[in-house]
Amino acid sequence: MGFIKQLLLLFPVLSFCLCNFCVSASPPLPFESTPLYYADHFFVRPSSNILSKYTLNGQRVWDIDIHPRTDVKIAFNHLFLCSPQQYLRAYHTDTGDALFLPEKAKIDSFVLQYPYIFYWQKNTVGCLDFLTGHHLWTKELTLPIKELISFNQQGLLGVRYQKNRLSFLNVLDGSDKGSCEWSKKLKVLSVWNSAALLTKKDRLMRFDIASKVLDPISLPQHGPFVISQRYHYIYYDPLKSHLRSFNVDNSTEDWTLPVASVVKKMLIEKNLILCQFEQNILLIDAYKGTILHTLAASSIHDSLAGFTVSQGRLYLFSDTRLLPSILLIPSSYEKES
């Protein structure tokens, strides 16, 4: 009876702990590279020469033999693999079955932009049909290609092969569509319908695709950041201890959110932002800047590389392992909405 009384006294404490989060008992899943998340599954490398599909609970679905330096990309239920000295190969994400070996596809690298696959090999750029792999067009250039940038929403493909120039090709036939100045130090962060967001060293830039004009964006020095699908650049301002959402399209600040400690990592998945702090994790609505969940994170020592939320559970992964999932207790915000 004394033992039972002690359990009853501890019950409120246990209930409080469970209301914050509940960790599943499944063991972490180790792997050798950062996984790709697609359609409630993880695509990971448990070893250097195998690509495997796993469920969110860590159950293996299928394996594909790959080269250790294989480039892996996924879109529209298609898994594309490209490795040194090999052709581009396509598989179905559900079954792992081979779909097609694209024509003329011994390549150096490729870019997916449905309904096309753009690729290059040395000084040749080409276009394949996304669903069939059929060859649509090729174009020979005078110098080896360094980079491809898809502006498919505007019907353009950017090709960097000259030192400080970016040439534009029509995605339908590869015909020339002009060029503009383009430093090799520019890094594309995201491409939207009418503009692209870039960085040059630590400086943020906006590139208007139609006019081909590059303009600097003035923001304070900041820490981690993420980019949403709605033209928002969301970043941590260490001087004010705030998260800020900057609308790149109209150069306005949509929301700010004060935080109590330094942000170690920021990640985004659809409309959810995950902020990792030393002691806790916040799940934030990316469009409204409201906190949806606060989770204790003292047991998570990994630097997180990604996350997803599925059927009321939060799944976290680092560069090398899938962490035990966390059961999310609905917050007051979710109950009201």
Protein backbone atom coordinates (compact mmCIF):
# COMPACT_ATOMS: atom_id res chain seq x y z
CA MET A 1 0.00 0.00 0.00
CA GLY A 2 2.88 2.39 0.78
CA PHE A 3 4.27 1.92 -2.74
CA ILE A 4 0.87 2.63 -4.30
CA LYS A 5 0.52 5.83 -2.23
CA GLN A 6 3.93 7.00 -3.50
CA LEU A 7 2.85 6.41 -7.11
CA LEU A 8 -0.35 8.39 -6.51
CA LEU A 9 1.69 11.28 -5.09
CA LEU A 10 3.97 11.19 -8.13
CA PHE A 11 1.10 11.05 -10.64
CA PRO A 12 0.76 14.85 -11.10
CA VAL A 13 4.51 15.13 -11.81
CA LEU A 14 4.39 12.29 -14.32
CA SER A 15 1.33 13.82 -15.99
CA PHE A 16 3.12 17.16 -16.35
CA CYS A 17 6.10 15.50 -18.02
CA LEU A 18 3.90 13.59 -20.46
CA CYS A 19 2.03 16.77 -21.41
CA ASN A 20 5.25 18.26 -22.72
CA PHE A 21 6.26 15.39 -24.96
CA CYS A 22 6.47 11.64 -25.20
CA VAL A 23 9.45 9.94 -26.86
CA SER A 24 8.96 6.65 -28.67
CA ALA A 25 10.93 3.63 -27.52
CA SER A 26 12.19 2.70 -30.99
CA PRO A 27 16.01 2.83 -31.25
CA PRO A 28 17.74 5.52 -33.39
CA LEU A 29 18.53 4.53 -36.95
CA PRO A 30 22.16 5.23 -38.01
CA PHE A 31 23.15 6.14 -41.57
CA GLU A 32 26.06 7.65 -43.49
CA SER A 33 24.54 10.73 -45.12
CA THR A 34 21.80 13.27 -44.52
CA PRO A 35 18.50 11.60 -45.49
CA LEU A 36 15.97 12.84 -48.01
CA TYR A 37 12.40 13.05 -46.73
CA TYR A 38 9.59 12.46 -49.22
CA ALA A 39 5.95 11.34 -48.83
CA ASP A 40 6.23 10.17 -45.20
CA HIS A 41 9.39 8.14 -45.87
CA PHE A 42 13.14 8.65 -45.47
CA PHE A 43 15.63 7.79 -48.20
CA VAL A 44 18.97 7.18 -46.52
CA ARG A 45 22.32 5.43 -46.92
CA PRO A 46 22.82 2.83 -44.18
CA SER A 47 26.16 2.18 -45.90
CA SER A 48 28.12 4.01 -48.60
CA ASN A 49 26.98 1.75 -51.47
CA ILE A 50 23.30 1.22 -50.57
CA LEU A 51 20.33 3.58 -50.76
CA SER A 52 17.36 2.44 -48.65
CA LYS A 53 13.80 3.58 -48.17
CA TYR A 54 12.54 3.61 -44.57
CA THR A 55 9.20 4.32 -42.96
CA LEU A 56 9.04 6.99 -40.27
CA ASN A 57 9.16 4.17 -37.69
CA GLY A 58 12.50 2.92 -39.00
CA GLN A 59 11.26 -0.08 -41.03
CA ARG A 60 13.22 -0.76 -44.21
CA VAL A 61 11.09 -0.95 -47.40
CA TRP A 62 13.64 -1.55 -50.19
CA ASP A 63 17.34 -1.21 -51.11
CA ILE A 64 19.13 -0.06 -54.25
CA ASP A 65 22.84 -0.60 -54.91
CA ILE A 66 24.60 2.70 -55.64
CA HIS A 67 28.06 4.19 -56.12
CA PRO A 68 29.41 5.92 -52.95
CA ARG A 69 29.45 9.31 -54.73
CA THR A 70 25.97 9.09 -56.22
CA ASP A 71 23.90 12.27 -56.54
CA VAL A 72 20.32 11.55 -55.39
CA LYS A 73 17.26 13.71 -56.18
CA ILE A 74 13.52 13.07 -55.72
CA ALA A 75 10.43 14.69 -57.24
CA PHE A 76 6.94 13.53 -58.27
CA ASN A 77 7.45 9.90 -57.17
CA HIS A 78 10.63 9.69 -59.26
CA LEU A 79 14.01 8.92 -57.71
CA PHE A 80 16.99 9.92 -59.88
CA LEU A 81 20.53 8.64 -59.35
CA CYS A 82 23.66 9.92 -61.05
CA SER A 83 27.16 8.77 -60.17
CA PRO A 84 30.66 9.12 -61.68
CA GLN A 85 31.13 7.04 -64.86
CA GLN A 86 27.44 6.06 -64.83
CA TYR A 87 24.31 7.08 -66.62
CA LEU A 88 21.40 8.89 -65.05
CA ARG A 89 18.90 6.30 -63.76
CA ALA A 90 15.27 6.70 -62.68
CA TYR A 91 13.33 4.62 -60.13
CA HIS A 92 9.84 4.70 -58.66
CA THR A 93 9.88 5.89 -55.04
CA ASP A 94 7.08 3.51 -53.97
CA THR A 95 8.56 0.23 -55.19
CA GLY A 96 12.23 0.93 -55.95
CA ASP A 97 11.68 -0.50 -59.45
CA ALA A 98 13.68 0.93 -62.35
CA LEU A 99 11.58 3.22 -64.57
CA PHE A 100 13.90 4.13 -67.43
CA LEU A 101 17.47 4.77 -68.47
CA PRO A 102 17.20 8.20 -70.13
CA GLU A 103 18.55 8.67 -73.63
CA LYS A 104 21.85 10.56 -74.00
CA ALA A 105 22.17 10.80 -70.24
CA LYS A 106 25.80 10.13 -69.43
CA ILE A 107 26.18 13.40 -67.59
CA ASP A 108 28.18 15.46 -65.11
CA SER A 109 25.19 16.81 -63.17
CA PHE A 110 21.48 17.55 -63.52
CA VAL A 111 18.63 19.77 -62.31
CA LEU A 112 15.03 18.63 -61.84
CA GLN A 113 12.29 21.05 -62.88
CA TYR A 114 9.08 19.24 -63.79
CA PRO A 115 8.24 18.51 -66.59
CA TYR A 116 11.94 18.62 -67.55
CA ILE A 117 15.32 17.26 -66.52
CA PHE A 118 18.15 19.63 -67.43
CA TYR A 119 21.65 18.17 -67.56
CA TRP A 120 25.13 19.01 -68.69
CA GLN A 121 28.26 17.15 -69.71
CA LYS A 122 31.43 19.18 -70.30
CA ASN A 123 30.27 21.93 -72.70
CA THR A 124 26.92 20.36 -73.69
CA VAL A 125 23.61 21.25 -72.05
CA GLY A 126 20.50 19.19 -72.70
CA CYS A 127 16.88 18.61 -71.76
CA LEU A 128 15.01 15.34 -71.10
CA ASP A 129 11.34 14.59 -70.58
CA PHE A 130 10.78 14.09 -66.84
CA LEU A 131 8.32 11.18 -67.16
CA THR A 132 9.85 9.21 -70.03
CA GLY A 133 13.53 10.23 -70.17
CA HIS A 134 13.18 10.97 -73.89
CA HIS A 135 15.71 13.42 -75.24
CA LEU A 136 14.18 16.80 -76.18
CA TRP A 137 17.14 19.00 -77.17
CA THR A 138 20.86 19.65 -76.72
CA LYS A 139 23.03 22.72 -77.18
CA GLU A 140 26.79 22.89 -77.63
CA LEU A 141 28.54 25.79 -75.87
CA THR A 142 32.04 27.17 -76.35
CA LEU A 143 33.33 26.49 -72.81
CA PRO A 144 32.77 23.83 -70.12
CA ILE A 145 29.63 24.42 -68.04
CA LYS A 146 30.01 25.34 -64.36
CA GLU A 147 26.40 25.62 -63.19
CA LEU A 148 22.75 25.30 -64.26
CA ILE A 149 19.98 27.38 -62.66
CA SER A 150 16.37 26.64 -63.54
CA PHE A 151 14.01 29.60 -63.97
CA ASN A 152 11.36 27.32 -65.45
CA GLN A 153 8.47 29.46 -64.18
CA GLN A 154 9.68 32.08 -66.67
CA GLY A 155 10.55 29.47 -69.31
CA LEU A 156 14.28 30.02 -68.89
CA LEU A 157 17.34 27.96 -68.02
CA GLY A 158 20.37 29.81 -66.66
CA VAL A 159 23.77 28.47 -67.75
CA ARG A 160 27.03 29.72 -66.23
CA TYR A 161 30.00 28.84 -68.40
CA GLN A 162 31.73 32.17 -68.95
CA LYS A 163 33.69 33.75 -66.11
CA ASN A 164 31.23 36.46 -64.99
CA ARG A 165 28.21 35.90 -67.24
CA LEU A 166 24.98 33.91 -66.96
CA SER A 167 23.40 32.95 -70.29
CA PHE A 168 19.70 32.18 -70.66
CA LEU A 169 18.19 29.45 -72.81
CA ASN A 170 14.57 28.77 -73.76
CA VAL A 171 13.51 25.60 -71.90
CA LEU A 172 11.43 24.45 -74.92
CA ASP A 173 14.20 24.33 -77.52
CA GLY A 174 17.48 25.64 -76.04
CA SER A 175 17.45 28.85 -78.09
CA ASP A 176 19.35 31.89 -76.77
CA LYS A 177 17.48 34.37 -74.57
CA GLY A 178 20.22 36.83 -73.66
CA SER A 179 22.69 37.02 -70.79
CA CYS A 180 23.65 39.16 -67.80
CA GLU A 181 26.56 39.77 -65.46
CA TRP A 182 26.85 37.00 -62.86
CA SER A 183 29.61 36.53 -60.32
CA LYS A 184 30.72 32.98 -59.57
CA LYS A 185 30.45 33.96 -55.89
CA LEU A 186 26.66 34.21 -56.17
CA LYS A 187 24.78 31.33 -54.55
CA VAL A 188 21.11 30.71 -55.33
CA LEU A 189 19.01 30.09 -52.20
CA SER A 190 15.56 29.87 -53.76
CA VAL A 191 13.74 30.57 -57.04
CA TRP A 192 10.13 31.77 -57.17
CA ASN A 193 7.82 32.76 -60.02
CA SER A 194 9.33 36.15 -60.78
CA ALA A 195 12.47 36.40 -58.68
CA ALA A 196 15.35 34.47 -57.14
CA LEU A 197 16.96 34.94 -53.74
CA LEU A 198 20.75 34.79 -53.67
CA THR A 199 23.73 35.44 -51.45
CA LYS A 200 27.13 36.89 -52.29
CA LYS A 201 29.39 36.10 -49.36
CA ASP A 202 27.27 37.39 -46.43
CA ARG A 203 25.13 39.74 -48.51
CA LEU A 204 21.54 38.95 -49.49
CA MET A 205 20.46 39.73 -53.07
CA ARG A 206 17.19 39.68 -55.07
CA PHE A 207 17.33 38.80 -58.77
CA ASP A 208 14.40 39.91 -60.94
CA ILE A 209 14.15 37.24 -63.64
CA ALA A 210 12.28 39.28 -66.26
CA SER A 211 14.51 42.37 -66.12
CA LYS A 212 17.66 40.40 -65.14
CA VAL A 213 18.44 43.04 -62.51
CA LEU A 214 20.23 42.12 -59.27
CA ASP A 215 19.44 44.27 -56.21
CA PRO A 216 20.93 44.06 -52.68
CA ILE A 217 18.62 43.48 -49.70
CA SER A 218 19.46 45.40 -46.55
CA LEU A 219 19.10 43.25 -43.42
CA PRO A 220 20.98 43.36 -40.11
CA GLN A 221 23.70 40.83 -39.35
CA HIS A 222 21.87 37.69 -38.33
CA GLY A 223 22.16 34.05 -37.39
CA PRO A 224 20.34 30.96 -38.74
CA PHE A 225 17.62 31.44 -41.35
CA VAL A 226 15.04 29.52 -43.40
CA ILE A 227 13.09 30.37 -46.57
CA SER A 228 9.35 29.70 -46.86
CA GLN A 229 7.33 28.98 -50.00
CA ARG A 230 5.66 32.38 -49.76
CA TYR A 231 8.63 34.62 -50.56
CA HIS A 232 9.63 34.94 -46.88
CA TYR A 233 13.17 35.01 -45.51
CA ILE A 234 12.84 34.11 -41.81
CA TYR A 235 15.92 34.72 -39.67
CA TYR A 236 17.21 35.02 -36.11
CA ASP A 237 18.25 38.53 -35.05
CA PRO A 238 20.79 38.03 -32.19
CA LEU A 239 20.94 41.74 -31.27
CA LYS A 240 17.20 41.95 -30.53
CA SER A 241 16.73 38.23 -29.66
CA HIS A 242 13.87 38.03 -32.16
CA LEU A 243 12.83 35.85 -35.05
CA ARG A 244 11.91 38.03 -38.03
CA SER A 245 9.99 37.24 -41.23
CA PHE A 246 11.04 39.41 -44.19
CA ASN A 247 8.83 39.40 -47.29
CA VAL A 248 11.28 39.36 -50.22
CA ASP A 249 8.56 40.17 -52.76
CA ASN A 250 7.58 43.56 -51.31
CA SER A 251 10.50 44.24 -48.90
CA THR A 252 8.35 44.38 -45.76
CA GLU A 253 8.58 42.67 -42.37
CA ASP A 254 5.54 40.47 -41.81
CA TRP A 255 6.07 39.39 -38.21
CA THR A 256 8.55 39.26 -35.33
CA LEU A 257 8.70 36.82 -32.44
CA PRO A 258 10.81 37.35 -29.28
CA VAL A 259 12.79 34.32 -28.09
CA ALA A 260 14.46 33.78 -24.73
CA SER A 261 17.77 32.23 -25.82
CA VAL A 262 20.17 31.82 -28.72
CA VAL A 263 18.89 29.86 -31.73
CA LYS A 264 21.23 26.96 -32.55
CA LYS A 265 19.45 25.73 -35.68
CA MET A 266 16.43 26.66 -37.81
CA LEU A 267 14.67 24.24 -40.15
CA ILE A 268 11.50 24.52 -42.21
CA GLU A 269 9.05 21.90 -43.53
CA LYS A 270 6.08 23.27 -45.48
CA ASN A 271 4.46 25.81 -43.11
CA LEU A 272 6.31 24.72 -39.95
CA ILE A 273 9.54 26.18 -38.58
CA LEU A 274 11.60 24.22 -36.07
CA CYS A 275 13.94 26.26 -33.84
CA GLN A 276 16.49 24.32 -31.83
CA PHE A 277 17.76 25.95 -28.62
CA GLU A 278 20.05 24.61 -25.93
CA GLN A 279 17.21 23.49 -23.66
CA ASN A 280 14.12 23.29 -25.86
CA ILE A 281 12.62 23.14 -29.33
CA LEU A 282 9.93 25.46 -30.70
CA LEU A 283 7.53 24.58 -33.51
CA ILE A 284 6.35 27.83 -35.12
CA ASP A 285 3.75 28.68 -37.77
CA ALA A 286 5.87 30.08 -40.62
CA TYR A 287 3.08 32.31 -41.94
CA LYS A 288 1.78 33.78 -38.67
CA GLY A 289 4.83 33.67 -36.39
CA THR A 290 2.93 31.94 -33.59
CA ILE A 291 4.34 29.19 -31.35
CA LEU A 292 2.50 25.88 -31.81
CA HIS A 293 4.54 23.64 -29.50
CA THR A 294 7.35 23.93 -26.96
CA LEU A 295 9.33 20.72 -26.40
CA ALA A 296 12.13 19.91 -23.98
CA ALA A 297 15.35 19.17 -25.87
CA SER A 298 17.90 18.53 -23.13
CA SER A 299 18.27 14.89 -24.26
CA ILE A 300 18.89 15.85 -27.93
CA HIS A 301 22.60 16.45 -28.36
CA ASP A 302 22.63 16.16 -32.17
CA SER A 303 22.62 19.15 -34.49
CA LEU A 304 19.37 18.57 -36.33
CA ALA A 305 19.37 18.31 -40.14
CA GLY A 306 15.63 17.95 -40.75
CA PHE A 307 12.22 17.10 -39.38
CA THR A 308 8.64 16.30 -40.31
CA VAL A 309 5.32 16.02 -38.51
CA SER A 310 3.05 13.10 -39.37
CA GLN A 311 -0.03 11.76 -37.56
CA GLY A 312 0.64 13.75 -34.41
CA ARG A 313 4.32 12.79 -34.07
CA LEU A 314 7.45 14.86 -34.58
CA TYR A 315 10.25 13.02 -36.41
CA LEU A 316 13.76 14.47 -36.10
CA PHE A 317 16.97 13.48 -37.87
CA SER A 318 20.57 14.61 -37.79
CA ASP A 319 23.21 14.09 -40.47
CA THR A 320 23.84 10.56 -39.25
CA ARG A 321 20.74 9.15 -37.55
CA LEU A 322 16.99 9.16 -37.20
CA LEU A 323 16.08 10.12 -33.64
CA PRO A 324 13.23 8.62 -31.59
CA SER A 325 9.96 10.31 -32.52
CA ILE A 326 8.09 12.67 -30.18
CA LEU A 327 4.34 12.57 -29.58
CA LEU A 328 2.89 16.08 -29.87
CA ILE A 329 0.16 16.97 -27.37
CA PRO A 330 -2.25 19.41 -29.13
CA SER A 331 -1.58 22.98 -28.01
CA SER A 332 -4.25 25.52 -27.12
CA TYR A 333 -3.60 27.18 -30.47
CA GLU A 334 -4.50 23.99 -32.34
CA LYS A 335 -7.62 23.45 -30.22
CA GLU A 336 -8.86 26.95 -31.02
CA SER A 337 -8.20 26.60 -34.72
